[in-house]
């Protein structure tokens, strides 16, 4: 990974990372307090990025709370 990314590239990468992490948590065998805390944190991050005017261009064209049904 390059360290000369633009802000747009960083946000796109962050969206991808958060979505990947949430997908992994969906498959978690145990849903303890730590997993639930991660879940809320990742969704909160996506909700903040959702307000970015270019979010839809980078695949964030949905309500994270609805898509990932908070546990």
PDB file of N, CA and C in Angstrom:
ATOM      1  N   UNK A   1       0.853  -1.180   0.000  1.00  0.00           N
ATOM      2  CA  UNK A   1       0.000   0.000   0.000  1.00  0.00           C
ATOM      3  C   UNK A   1       0.889   1.230   0.000  1.00  0.00           C
ATOM      4  N   UNK A   2       0.530   2.156  -0.827  1.00  0.00           N
ATOM      5  CA  UNK A   2       1.271   3.411  -0.952  1.00  0.00           C
ATOM      6  C   UNK A   2       0.929   4.350   0.202  1.00  0.00           C
ATOM      7  N   UNK A   3       1.901   5.174   0.553  1.00  0.00           N
ATOM      8  CA  UNK A   3       1.660   6.145   1.620  1.00  0.00           C
ATOM      9  C   UNK A   3       1.431   7.532   1.054  1.00  0.00           C
ATOM     10  N   UNK A   4       1.156   7.633  -0.231  1.00  0.00           N
ATOM     11  CA  UNK A   4       0.871   8.910  -0.877  1.00  0.00           C
ATOM     12  C   UNK A   4      -0.551   8.945  -1.418  1.00  0.00           C
ATOM     13  N   UNK A   5      -1.485   8.463  -0.627  1.00  0.00           N
ATOM     14  CA  UNK A   5      -2.877   8.411  -1.057  1.00  0.00           C
ATOM     15  C   UNK A   5      -3.555   9.764  -0.876  1.00  0.00           C
ATOM     16  N   UNK A   6      -4.547  10.013  -1.721  1.00  0.00           N
ATOM     17  CA  UNK A   6      -5.368  11.212  -1.555  1.00  0.00           C
ATOM     18  C   UNK A   6      -6.399  10.946  -0.461  1.00  0.00           C
ATOM     19  N   UNK A   7      -7.062  11.990  -0.024  1.00  0.00           N
ATOM     20  CA  UNK A   7      -8.115  11.835   0.984  1.00  0.00           C
ATOM     21  C   UNK A   7      -9.215  10.913   0.464  1.00  0.00           C
ATOM     22  N   UNK A   8      -9.575  11.055  -0.809  1.00  0.00           N
ATOM     23  CA  UNK A   8     -10.592  10.193  -1.401  1.00  0.00           C
ATOM     24  C   UNK A   8     -10.164   8.728  -1.366  1.00  0.00           C
ATOM     25  N   UNK A   9      -8.919   8.462  -1.702  1.00  0.00           N
ATOM     26  CA  UNK A   9      -8.419   7.096  -1.700  1.00  0.00           C
ATOM     27  C   UNK A   9      -8.420   6.511  -0.289  1.00  0.00           C
ATOM     28  N   UNK A  10      -8.071   7.330   0.681  1.00  0.00           N
ATOM     29  CA  UNK A  10      -8.071   6.868   2.072  1.00  0.00           C
ATOM     30  C   UNK A  10      -9.493   6.547   2.524  1.00  0.00           C
ATOM     31  N   UNK A  11     -10.443   7.411   2.196  1.00  0.00           N
ATOM     32  CA  UNK A  11     -11.831   7.160   2.595  1.00  0.00           C
ATOM     33  C   UNK A  11     -12.390   5.925   1.892  1.00  0.00           C
ATOM     34  N   UNK A  12     -12.063   5.740   0.632  1.00  0.00           N
ATOM     35  CA  UNK A  12     -12.513   4.548  -0.090  1.00  0.00           C
ATOM     36  C   UNK A  12     -11.940   3.294   0.563  1.00  0.00           C
ATOM     37  N   UNK A  13     -10.679   3.335   0.926  1.00  0.00           N
ATOM     38  CA  UNK A  13     -10.031   2.204   1.590  1.00  0.00           C
ATOM     39  C   UNK A  13     -10.646   1.963   2.963  1.00  0.00           C
ATOM     40  N   UNK A  14     -10.969   3.023   3.677  1.00  0.00           N
ATOM     41  CA  UNK A  14     -11.589   2.890   4.994  1.00  0.00           C
ATOM     42  C   UNK A  14     -12.967   2.251   4.882  1.00  0.00           C
ATOM     43  N   UNK A  15     -13.755   2.668   3.899  1.00  0.00           N
ATOM     44  CA  UNK A  15     -15.076   2.066   3.687  1.00  0.00           C
ATOM     45  C   UNK A  15     -14.919   0.567   3.447  1.00  0.00           C
ATOM     46  N   UNK A  16     -14.000   0.209   2.566  1.00  0.00           N
ATOM     47  CA  UNK A  16     -13.761  -1.199   2.249  1.00  0.00           C
ATOM     48  C   UNK A  16     -13.335  -1.986   3.490  1.00  0.00           C
ATOM     49  N   UNK A  17     -12.451  -1.407   4.273  1.00  0.00           N
ATOM     50  CA  UNK A  17     -11.961  -2.073   5.483  1.00  0.00           C
ATOM     51  C   UNK A  17     -13.081  -2.273   6.495  1.00  0.00           C
ATOM     52  N   UNK A  18     -13.882  -1.244   6.719  1.00  0.00           N
ATOM     53  CA  UNK A  18     -14.980  -1.347   7.677  1.00  0.00           C
ATOM     54  C   UNK A  18     -16.004  -2.386   7.236  1.00  0.00           C
ATOM     55  N   UNK A  19     -16.334  -2.391   5.951  1.00  0.00           N
ATOM     56  CA  UNK A  19     -17.300  -3.370   5.451  1.00  0.00           C
ATOM     57  C   UNK A  19     -16.749  -4.795   5.573  1.00  0.00           C
ATOM     58  N   UNK A  20     -15.480  -4.970   5.306  1.00  0.00           N
ATOM     59  CA  UNK A  20     -14.853  -6.289   5.447  1.00  0.00           C
ATOM     60  C   UNK A  20     -14.890  -6.750   6.901  1.00  0.00           C
ATOM     61  N   UNK A  21     -14.555  -5.840   7.811  1.00  0.00           N
ATOM     62  CA  UNK A  21     -14.562  -6.183   9.234  1.00  0.00           C
ATOM     63  C   UNK A  21     -15.965  -6.528   9.720  1.00  0.00           C
ATOM     64  N   UNK A  22     -16.966  -5.793   9.255  1.00  0.00           N
ATOM     65  CA  UNK A  22     -18.343  -6.097   9.641  1.00  0.00           C
ATOM     66  C   UNK A  22     -18.770  -7.456   9.099  1.00  0.00           C
ATOM     67  N   UNK A  23     -18.369  -7.778   7.883  1.00  0.00           N
ATOM     68  CA  UNK A  23     -18.703  -9.082   7.308  1.00  0.00           C
ATOM     69  C   UNK A  23     -18.081 -10.204   8.135  1.00  0.00           C
ATOM     70  N   UNK A  24     -16.856  -9.987   8.597  1.00  0.00           N
ATOM     71  CA  UNK A  24     -16.207 -10.989   9.449  1.00  0.00           C
ATOM     72  C   UNK A  24     -16.940 -11.149  10.777  1.00  0.00           C
ATOM     73  N   UNK A  25     -17.408 -10.043  11.333  1.00  0.00           N
ATOM     74  CA  UNK A  25     -18.139 -10.122  12.605  1.00  0.00           C
ATOM     75  C   UNK A  25     -19.471 -10.843  12.443  1.00  0.00           C
ATOM     76  N   UNK A  26     -20.078 -10.733  11.256  1.00  0.00           N
ATOM     77  CA  UNK A  26     -21.326 -11.461  11.022  1.00  0.00           C
ATOM     78  C   UNK A  26     -21.120 -12.954  11.199  1.00  0.00           C
ATOM     79  N   UNK A  27     -19.941 -13.426  10.840  1.00  0.00           N
ATOM     80  CA  UNK A  27     -19.651 -14.841  10.958  1.00  0.00           C
ATOM     81  C   UNK A  27     -19.038 -15.244  12.285  1.00  0.00           C
ATOM     82  N   UNK A  28     -18.929 -14.296  13.204  1.00  0.00           N
ATOM     83  CA  UNK A  28     -18.313 -14.597  14.497  1.00  0.00           C
ATOM     84  C   UNK A  28     -19.144 -15.628  15.247  1.00  0.00           C
ATOM     85  N   UNK A  29     -18.463 -16.626  15.770  1.00  0.00           N
ATOM     86  CA  UNK A  29     -19.148 -17.694  16.492  1.00  0.00           C
ATOM     87  C   UNK A  29     -19.711 -17.187  17.819  1.00  0.00           C
ATOM     88  N   UNK A  30     -18.955 -16.311  18.483  1.00  0.00           N
ATOM     89  CA  UNK A  30     -19.382 -15.777  19.773  1.00  0.00           C
ATOM     90  C   UNK A  30     -19.644 -14.289  19.651  1.00  0.00           C
ATOM     91  N   UNK A  31     -20.721 -13.846  20.225  1.00  0.00           N
ATOM     92  CA  UNK A  31     -21.077 -12.428  20.215  1.00  0.00           C
ATOM     93  C   UNK A  31     -20.946 -11.887  21.639  1.00  0.00           C
ATOM     94  N   UNK A  32     -19.708 -11.687  22.084  1.00  0.00           N
ATOM     95  CA  UNK A  32     -19.480 -11.170  23.428  1.00  0.00           C
ATOM     96  C   UNK A  32     -19.462  -9.636  23.394  1.00  0.00           C
ATOM     97  N   UNK A  33     -19.195  -9.011  24.543  1.00  0.00           N
ATOM     98  CA  UNK A  33     -19.213  -7.549  24.633  1.00  0.00           C
ATOM     99  C   UNK A  33     -18.184  -6.903  23.709  1.00  0.00           C
ATOM    100  N   UNK A  34     -17.047  -7.543  23.540  1.00  0.00           N
ATOM    101  CA  UNK A  34     -16.015  -6.990  22.674  1.00  0.00           C
ATOM    102  C   UNK A  34     -16.485  -6.966  21.221  1.00  0.00           C
ATOM    103  N   UNK A  35     -17.070  -8.051  20.766  1.00  0.00           N
ATOM    104  CA  UNK A  35     -17.568  -8.140  19.393  1.00  0.00           C
ATOM    105  C   UNK A  35     -18.670  -7.110  19.169  1.00  0.00           C
ATOM    106  N   UNK A  36     -19.569  -6.990  20.107  1.00  0.00           N
ATOM    107  CA  UNK A  36     -20.659  -6.020  19.983  1.00  0.00           C
ATOM    108  C   UNK A  36     -20.097  -4.595  19.963  1.00  0.00           C
ATOM    109  N   UNK A  37     -19.095  -4.316  20.773  1.00  0.00           N
ATOM    110  CA  UNK A  37     -18.466  -2.999  20.779  1.00  0.00           C
ATOM    111  C   UNK A  37     -17.817  -2.685  19.445  1.00  0.00           C
ATOM    112  N   UNK A  38     -17.123  -3.669  18.879  1.00  0.00           N
ATOM    113  CA  UNK A  38     -16.533  -3.481  17.551  1.00  0.00           C
ATOM    114  C   UNK A  38     -17.620  -3.193  16.528  1.00  0.00           C
ATOM    115  N   UNK A  39     -18.689  -3.952  16.593  1.00  0.00           N
ATOM    116  CA  UNK A  39     -19.815  -3.813  15.668  1.00  0.00           C
ATOM    117  C   UNK A  39     -20.328  -2.375  15.683  1.00  0.00           C
ATOM    118  N   UNK A  40     -20.606  -1.873  16.873  1.00  0.00           N
ATOM    119  CA  UNK A  40     -21.109  -0.498  16.993  1.00  0.00           C
ATOM    120  C   UNK A  40     -20.093   0.522  16.475  1.00  0.00           C
ATOM    121  N   UNK A  41     -18.831   0.325  16.775  1.00  0.00           N
ATOM    122  CA  UNK A  41     -17.790   1.263  16.355  1.00  0.00           C
ATOM    123  C   UNK A  41     -17.666   1.304  14.836  1.00  0.00           C
ATOM    124  N   UNK A  42     -17.664   0.153  14.190  1.00  0.00           N
ATOM    125  CA  UNK A  42     -17.542   0.109  12.739  1.00  0.00           C
ATOM    126  C   UNK A  42     -18.746   0.773  12.068  1.00  0.00           C
ATOM    127  N   UNK A  43     -19.931   0.494  12.583  1.00  0.00           N
ATOM    128  CA  UNK A  43     -21.134   1.097  12.014  1.00  0.00           C
ATOM    129  C   UNK A  43     -21.122   2.607  12.216  1.00  0.00           C
ATOM    130  N   UNK A  44     -20.695   3.046  13.377  1.00  0.00           N
ATOM    131  CA  UNK A  44     -20.608   4.488  13.650  1.00  0.00           C
ATOM    132  C   UNK A  44     -19.650   5.160  12.671  1.00  0.00           C
ATOM    133  N   UNK A  45     -18.539   4.531  12.397  1.00  0.00           N
ATOM    134  CA  UNK A  45     -17.576   5.081  11.433  1.00  0.00           C
ATOM    135  C   UNK A  45     -18.208   5.196  10.048  1.00  0.00           C
ATOM    136  N   UNK A  46     -18.903   4.159   9.619  1.00  0.00           N
ATOM    137  CA  UNK A  46     -19.570   4.214   8.318  1.00  0.00           C
ATOM    138  C   UNK A  46     -20.636   5.297   8.283  1.00  0.00           C
ATOM    139  N   UNK A  47     -21.347   5.487   9.393  1.00  0.00           N
ATOM    140  CA  UNK A  47     -22.364   6.531   9.442  1.00  0.00           C
ATOM    141  C   UNK A  47     -21.745   7.919   9.278  1.00  0.00           C
ATOM    142  N   UNK A  48     -20.591   8.142   9.860  1.00  0.00           N
ATOM    143  CA  UNK A  48     -19.922   9.435   9.722  1.00  0.00           C
ATOM    144  C   UNK A  48     -19.468   9.629   8.272  1.00  0.00           C
ATOM    145  N   UNK A  49     -18.874   8.610   7.685  1.00  0.00           N
ATOM    146  CA  UNK A  49     -18.406   8.711   6.298  1.00  0.00           C
ATOM    147  C   UNK A  49     -19.589   8.890   5.349  1.00  0.00           C
ATOM    148  N   UNK A  50     -20.748   8.369   5.712  1.00  0.00           N
ATOM    149  CA  UNK A  50     -21.968   8.481   4.902  1.00  0.00           C
ATOM    150  C   UNK A  50     -22.293   9.935   4.576  1.00  0.00           C
ATOM    151  N   UNK A  51     -21.911  10.876   5.443  1.00  0.00           N
ATOM    152  CA  UNK A  51     -22.196  12.295   5.225  1.00  0.00           C
ATOM    153  C   UNK A  51     -21.274  12.950   4.200  1.00  0.00           C
ATOM    154  N   UNK A  52     -20.214  12.283   3.817  1.00  0.00           N
ATOM    155  CA  UNK A  52     -19.294  12.771   2.800  1.00  0.00           C
ATOM    156  C   UNK A  52     -20.054  12.844   1.478  1.00  0.00           C
ATOM    157  N   UNK A  53     -19.929  13.959   0.772  1.00  0.00           N
ATOM    158  CA  UNK A  53     -20.716  14.150  -0.448  1.00  0.00           C
ATOM    159  C   UNK A  53     -20.387  13.146  -1.548  1.00  0.00           C
ATOM    160  N   UNK A  54     -19.245  12.505  -1.483  1.00  0.00           N
ATOM    161  CA  UNK A  54     -18.874  11.521  -2.499  1.00  0.00           C
ATOM    162  C   UNK A  54     -19.021  10.077  -2.019  1.00  0.00           C
ATOM    163  N   UNK A  55     -19.653   9.885  -0.894  1.00  0.00           N
ATOM    164  CA  UNK A  55     -19.774   8.534  -0.325  1.00  0.00           C
ATOM    165  C   UNK A  55     -20.451   7.569  -1.289  1.00  0.00           C
ATOM    166  N   UNK A  56     -21.491   8.026  -1.964  1.00  0.00           N
ATOM    167  CA  UNK A  56     -22.220   7.149  -2.884  1.00  0.00           C
ATOM    168  C   UNK A  56     -21.344   6.684  -4.035  1.00  0.00           C
ATOM    169  N   UNK A  57     -20.453   7.552  -4.474  1.00  0.00           N
ATOM    170  CA  UNK A  57     -19.546   7.182  -5.566  1.00  0.00           C
ATOM    171  C   UNK A  57     -18.620   6.039  -5.171  1.00  0.00           C
ATOM    172  N   UNK A  58     -18.409   5.869  -3.876  1.00  0.00           N
ATOM    173  CA  UNK A  58     -17.492   4.845  -3.383  1.00  0.00           C
ATOM    174  C   UNK A  58     -18.231   3.687  -2.716  1.00  0.00           C
ATOM    175  N   UNK A  59     -19.515   3.531  -3.058  1.00  0.00           N
ATOM    176  CA  UNK A  59     -20.280   2.367  -2.618  1.00  0.00           C
ATOM    177  C   UNK A  59     -21.040   2.511  -1.322  1.00  0.00           C
ATOM    178  N   UNK A  60     -20.917   3.654  -0.676  1.00  0.00           N
ATOM    179  CA  UNK A  60     -21.628   3.844   0.591  1.00  0.00           C
ATOM    180  C   UNK A  60     -22.944   4.565   0.295  1.00  0.00           C
ATOM    181  N   UNK A  61     -23.829   3.843  -0.377  1.00  0.00           N
ATOM    182  CA  UNK A  61     -25.118   4.398  -0.782  1.00  0.00           C
ATOM    183  C   UNK A  61     -26.270   3.725  -0.034  1.00  0.00           C
ATOM    184  N   UNK A  62     -26.014   3.389   1.213  1.00  0.00           N
ATOM    185  CA  UNK A  62     -26.997   2.704   2.046  1.00  0.00           C
ATOM    186  C   UNK A  62     -26.864   3.213   3.480  1.00  0.00           C
ATOM    187  N   UNK A  63     -27.881   2.925   4.286  1.00  0.00           N
ATOM    188  CA  UNK A  63     -27.846   3.269   5.697  1.00  0.00           C
ATOM    189  C   UNK A  63     -27.146   2.121   6.430  1.00  0.00           C
ATOM    190  N   UNK A  64     -25.961   2.365   7.003  1.00  0.00           N
ATOM    191  CA  UNK A  64     -25.211   1.287   7.655  1.00  0.00           C
ATOM    192  C   UNK A  64     -25.978   0.570   8.762  1.00  0.00           C
ATOM    193  N   UNK A  65     -26.772   1.307   9.538  1.00  0.00           N
ATOM    194  CA  UNK A  65     -27.539   0.672  10.625  1.00  0.00           C
ATOM    195  C   UNK A  65     -28.538  -0.329  10.074  1.00  0.00           C
ATOM    196  N   UNK A  66     -29.169   0.026   8.962  1.00  0.00           N
ATOM    197  CA  UNK A  66     -30.161  -0.879   8.382  1.00  0.00           C
ATOM    198  C   UNK A  66     -29.493  -2.072   7.704  1.00  0.00           C
ATOM    199  N   UNK A  67     -28.415  -1.827   6.973  1.00  0.00           N
ATOM    200  CA  UNK A  67     -27.757  -2.910   6.251  1.00  0.00           C
ATOM    201  C   UNK A  67     -27.151  -3.937   7.195  1.00  0.00           C
ATOM    202  N   UNK A  68     -26.533  -3.463   8.252  1.00  0.00           N
ATOM    203  CA  UNK A  68     -25.822  -4.370   9.144  1.00  0.00           C
ATOM    204  C   UNK A  68     -26.586  -4.695  10.422  1.00  0.00           C
ATOM    205  N   UNK A  69     -27.874  -4.349  10.474  1.00  0.00           N
ATOM    206  CA  UNK A  69     -28.718  -4.677  11.624  1.00  0.00           C
ATOM    207  C   UNK A  69     -27.929  -4.771  12.924  1.00  0.00           C
ATOM    208  N   UNK A  70     -27.858  -3.691  13.621  1.00  0.00           N
ATOM    209  CA  UNK A  70     -27.105  -3.683  14.883  1.00  0.00           C
ATOM    210  C   UNK A  70     -27.600  -4.809  15.763  1.00  0.00           C
ATOM    211  N   UNK A  71     -26.644  -5.538  16.305  1.00  0.00           N
ATOM    212  CA  UNK A  71     -26.910  -6.738  17.117  1.00  0.00           C
ATOM    213  C   UNK A  71     -27.800  -6.389  18.310  1.00  0.00           C
TER     214      UNK A  71
END
